[in-house]
Amino acid sequence: MTRQPGQRGFTLLEILVALAIMAMAVVVVLQLFSANIQGLTASDDYVNAVIRAEAKMREILDNSDLAQRSWSEVSNDGYRIDASVSPAAVDRTENLPVQLLQINLTVHWTKGVRERTLTLRTMKMVVKKV
């Protein structure tokens, strides 16, 4: 197969090479989209966990009878919340009429086979009970 003068076009080999390069480019672009979608899904999970943790933290902080204790709750949609209230800086507040409590709140959830966690910590000053 020889070209005659004046005939223009691509050979079969040139077309196959061009298609192979195009296929590789398409695969790379699709992998980038897949990674972005996975990132968005993980971000959405963390946003939901933060919303739950903040709501629970507000509920704990609004409790006027806050005392040292630990507990765990499981929601209907698979989130487990572990909370603990413990005294903090006891040596600095022993002569004061107030007590400093540290509140730790951890949200656990499972995505696929991995367990993910998010932890919030804060402190609250309360009047000592005598």
C-alpha atoms as a PDB file:
ATOM      1  CA  MET A   1       0.000   0.000   0.000  1.00  0.00           C
ATOM      2  CA  THR A   2       1.721   3.079  -1.208  1.00  0.00           C
ATOM      3  CA  ARG A   3       0.363   6.529  -1.386  1.00  0.00           C
ATOM      4  CA  GLN A   4      -0.037   8.112  -4.661  1.00  0.00           C
ATOM      5  CA  PRO A   5       1.000  11.711  -5.022  1.00  0.00           C
ATOM      6  CA  GLY A   6      -1.779  14.071  -3.976  1.00  0.00           C
ATOM      7  CA  GLN A   7      -3.530  11.596  -1.623  1.00  0.00           C
ATOM      8  CA  ARG A   8      -3.691  12.770   1.922  1.00  0.00           C
ATOM      9  CA  GLY A   9      -4.848  10.926   5.032  1.00  0.00           C
ATOM     10  CA  PHE A  10      -3.782   8.963   8.067  1.00  0.00           C
ATOM     11  CA  THR A  11      -2.491   5.448   8.168  1.00  0.00           C
ATOM     12  CA  LEU A  12      -4.112   2.853  10.383  1.00  0.00           C
ATOM     13  CA  LEU A  13      -1.125   2.936  12.737  1.00  0.00           C
ATOM     14  CA  GLU A  14      -1.412   6.710  13.200  1.00  0.00           C
ATOM     15  CA  ILE A  15      -5.100   6.387  14.020  1.00  0.00           C
ATOM     16  CA  LEU A  16      -4.439   3.604  16.573  1.00  0.00           C
ATOM     17  CA  VAL A  17      -1.728   5.660  18.301  1.00  0.00           C
ATOM     18  CA  ALA A  18      -4.010   8.699  18.443  1.00  0.00           C
ATOM     19  CA  LEU A  19      -6.861   6.602  19.921  1.00  0.00           C
ATOM     20  CA  ALA A  20      -4.532   5.092  22.547  1.00  0.00           C
ATOM     21  CA  ILE A  21      -3.358   8.555  23.631  1.00  0.00           C
ATOM     22  CA  MET A  22      -6.954   9.784  23.746  1.00  0.00           C
ATOM     23  CA  ALA A  23      -8.022   6.754  25.840  1.00  0.00           C
ATOM     24  CA  MET A  24      -5.259   7.401  28.376  1.00  0.00           C
ATOM     25  CA  ALA A  25      -6.291  11.048  28.672  1.00  0.00           C
ATOM     26  CA  VAL A  26      -9.942  10.087  29.215  1.00  0.00           C
ATOM     27  CA  VAL A  27      -8.977   7.572  31.927  1.00  0.00           C
ATOM     28  CA  VAL A  28      -6.914  10.208  33.770  1.00  0.00           C
ATOM     29  CA  VAL A  29      -9.767  12.721  33.643  1.00  0.00           C
ATOM     30  CA  LEU A  30     -12.275  10.141  34.921  1.00  0.00           C
ATOM     31  CA  GLN A  31      -9.969   9.227  37.811  1.00  0.00           C
ATOM     32  CA  LEU A  32      -9.735  12.890  38.767  1.00  0.00           C
ATOM     33  CA  PHE A  33     -13.533  13.166  38.802  1.00  0.00           C
ATOM     34  CA  SER A  34     -13.744  10.016  40.934  1.00  0.00           C
ATOM     35  CA  ALA A  35     -11.254  11.398  43.443  1.00  0.00           C
ATOM     36  CA  ASN A  36     -13.213  14.657  43.645  1.00  0.00           C
ATOM     37  CA  ILE A  37     -16.468  12.806  44.274  1.00  0.00           C
ATOM     38  CA  GLN A  38     -14.834  10.745  47.048  1.00  0.00           C
ATOM     39  CA  GLY A  39     -13.498  13.941  48.604  1.00  0.00           C
ATOM     40  CA  LEU A  40     -16.937  15.548  48.501  1.00  0.00           C
ATOM     41  CA  THR A  41     -18.512  12.490  50.114  1.00  0.00           C
ATOM     42  CA  ALA A  42     -15.939  12.464  52.925  1.00  0.00           C
ATOM     43  CA  SER A  43     -16.450  16.195  53.407  1.00  0.00           C
ATOM     44  CA  ASP A  44     -20.209  15.685  53.665  1.00  0.00           C
ATOM     45  CA  ASP A  45     -19.702  12.996  56.321  1.00  0.00           C
ATOM     46  CA  TYR A  46     -17.492  15.304  58.378  1.00  0.00           C
ATOM     47  CA  VAL A  47     -19.996  18.163  58.069  1.00  0.00           C
ATOM     48  CA  ASN A  48     -22.773  15.894  59.372  1.00  0.00           C
ATOM     49  CA  ALA A  49     -20.552  14.757  62.250  1.00  0.00           C
ATOM     50  CA  VAL A  50     -19.651  18.353  63.155  1.00  0.00           C
ATOM     51  CA  ILE A  51     -23.317  19.369  63.142  1.00  0.00           C
ATOM     52  CA  ARG A  52     -24.186  16.484  65.484  1.00  0.00           C
ATOM     53  CA  ALA A  53     -21.207  17.179  67.748  1.00  0.00           C
ATOM     54  CA  GLU A  54     -21.969  20.899  68.019  1.00  0.00           C
ATOM     55  CA  ALA A  55     -25.632  20.235  68.799  1.00  0.00           C
ATOM     56  CA  LYS A  56     -24.710  17.721  71.508  1.00  0.00           C
ATOM     57  CA  MET A  57     -22.033  20.046  72.912  1.00  0.00           C
ATOM     58  CA  ARG A  58     -24.573  22.897  73.150  1.00  0.00           C
ATOM     59  CA  GLU A  59     -26.962  20.548  74.928  1.00  0.00           C
ATOM     60  CA  ILE A  60     -24.256  19.563  77.439  1.00  0.00           C
ATOM     61  CA  LEU A  61     -23.143  23.161  78.022  1.00  0.00           C
ATOM     62  CA  ASP A  62     -26.739  24.291  78.603  1.00  0.00           C
ATOM     63  CA  ASN A  63     -27.116  21.746  81.413  1.00  0.00           C
ATOM     64  CA  SER A  64     -27.064  23.687  84.687  1.00  0.00           C
ATOM     65  CA  ASP A  65     -26.383  20.524  86.740  1.00  0.00           C
ATOM     66  CA  LEU A  66     -23.206  19.583  84.907  1.00  0.00           C
ATOM     67  CA  ALA A  67     -21.114  17.126  86.921  1.00  0.00           C
ATOM     68  CA  GLN A  68     -18.316  14.631  86.391  1.00  0.00           C
ATOM     69  CA  ARG A  69     -19.520  11.649  84.359  1.00  0.00           C
ATOM     70  CA  SER A  70     -19.116   9.740  81.076  1.00  0.00           C
ATOM     71  CA  TRP A  71     -21.731   8.341  78.714  1.00  0.00           C
ATOM     72  CA  SER A  72     -22.283   7.098  75.192  1.00  0.00           C
ATOM     73  CA  GLU A  73     -25.208   7.421  72.789  1.00  0.00           C
ATOM     74  CA  VAL A  74     -25.942   5.811  69.423  1.00  0.00           C
ATOM     75  CA  SER A  75     -28.150   7.540  66.865  1.00  0.00           C
ATOM     76  CA  ASN A  76     -30.498   5.819  64.448  1.00  0.00           C
ATOM     77  CA  ASP A  77     -28.264   6.650  61.474  1.00  0.00           C
ATOM     78  CA  GLY A  78     -25.080   5.035  62.796  1.00  0.00           C
ATOM     79  CA  TYR A  79     -23.321   7.837  64.671  1.00  0.00           C
ATOM     80  CA  ARG A  80     -21.986   7.033  68.154  1.00  0.00           C
ATOM     81  CA  ILE A  81     -21.320   9.919  70.503  1.00  0.00           C
ATOM     82  CA  ASP A  82     -19.026   9.405  73.492  1.00  0.00           C
ATOM     83  CA  ALA A  83     -18.984  12.244  76.010  1.00  0.00           C
ATOM     84  CA  SER A  84     -17.134  12.798  79.232  1.00  0.00           C
ATOM     85  CA  VAL A  85     -17.081  15.589  81.778  1.00  0.00           C
ATOM     86  CA  SER A  86     -14.099  15.707  84.104  1.00  0.00           C
ATOM     87  CA  PRO A  87     -12.557  18.246  86.480  1.00  0.00           C
ATOM     88  CA  ALA A  88      -9.710  20.336  85.087  1.00  0.00           C
ATOM     89  CA  ALA A  89      -7.038  22.436  86.798  1.00  0.00           C
ATOM     90  CA  VAL A  90      -8.117  21.168  90.203  1.00  0.00           C
ATOM     91  CA  ASP A  91      -4.983  22.491  91.913  1.00  0.00           C
ATOM     92  CA  ARG A  92      -5.663  25.994  90.605  1.00  0.00           C
ATOM     93  CA  THR A  93      -9.355  26.103  91.554  1.00  0.00           C
ATOM     94  CA  GLU A  94      -9.363  24.300  94.918  1.00  0.00           C
ATOM     95  CA  ASN A  95      -9.592  27.573  96.888  1.00  0.00           C
ATOM     96  CA  LEU A  96     -12.135  29.175  94.561  1.00  0.00           C
ATOM     97  CA  PRO A  97     -15.925  28.958  94.723  1.00  0.00           C
ATOM     98  CA  VAL A  98     -15.953  27.721  91.127  1.00  0.00           C
ATOM     99  CA  GLN A  99     -14.873  24.526  89.435  1.00  0.00           C
ATOM    100  CA  LEU A 100     -13.476  24.121  85.911  1.00  0.00           C
ATOM    101  CA  LEU A 101     -14.850  21.161  83.975  1.00  0.00           C
ATOM    102  CA  GLN A 102     -13.386  19.796  80.758  1.00  0.00           C
ATOM    103  CA  ILE A 103     -15.884  18.361  78.272  1.00  0.00           C
ATOM    104  CA  ASN A 104     -14.684  15.858  75.658  1.00  0.00           C
ATOM    105  CA  LEU A 105     -17.095  14.796  72.956  1.00  0.00           C
ATOM    106  CA  THR A 106     -16.159  12.262  70.260  1.00  0.00           C
ATOM    107  CA  VAL A 107     -18.361  11.309  67.323  1.00  0.00           C
ATOM    108  CA  HIS A 108     -17.688   7.917  65.687  1.00  0.00           C
ATOM    109  CA  TRP A 109     -19.117   6.711  62.381  1.00  0.00           C
ATOM    110  CA  THR A 110     -18.250   4.018  59.864  1.00  0.00           C
ATOM    111  CA  LYS A 111     -17.800   4.734  56.179  1.00  0.00           C
ATOM    112  CA  GLY A 112     -17.057   1.631  54.162  1.00  0.00           C
ATOM    113  CA  VAL A 113     -14.674  -0.413  56.281  1.00  0.00           C
ATOM    114  CA  ARG A 114     -13.015   2.529  58.071  1.00  0.00           C
ATOM    115  CA  GLU A 115     -14.201   4.006  61.323  1.00  0.00           C
ATOM    116  CA  ARG A 116     -13.868   7.758  61.414  1.00  0.00           C
ATOM    117  CA  THR A 117     -13.872  10.005  64.461  1.00  0.00           C
ATOM    118  CA  LEU A 118     -14.212  13.666  65.246  1.00  0.00           C
ATOM    119  CA  THR A 119     -13.420  15.097  68.684  1.00  0.00           C
ATOM    120  CA  LEU A 120     -14.502  18.398  70.233  1.00  0.00           C
ATOM    121  CA  ARG A 121     -13.158  19.684  73.545  1.00  0.00           C
ATOM    122  CA  THR A 122     -14.152  22.650  75.660  1.00  0.00           C
ATOM    123  CA  MET A 123     -14.244  23.813  79.244  1.00  0.00           C
ATOM    124  CA  LYS A 124     -16.984  25.222  81.419  1.00  0.00           C
ATOM    125  CA  MET A 125     -16.801  26.967  84.749  1.00  0.00           C
ATOM    126  CA  VAL A 126     -19.481  25.978  87.256  1.00  0.00           C
ATOM    127  CA  VAL A 127     -20.205  26.869  90.848  1.00  0.00           C
ATOM    128  CA  LYS A 128     -18.834  24.289  93.271  1.00  0.00           C
ATOM    129  CA  LYS A 129     -21.409  22.238  95.105  1.00  0.00           C
ATOM    130  CA  VAL A 130     -20.804  22.083  98.823  1.00  0.00           C
END
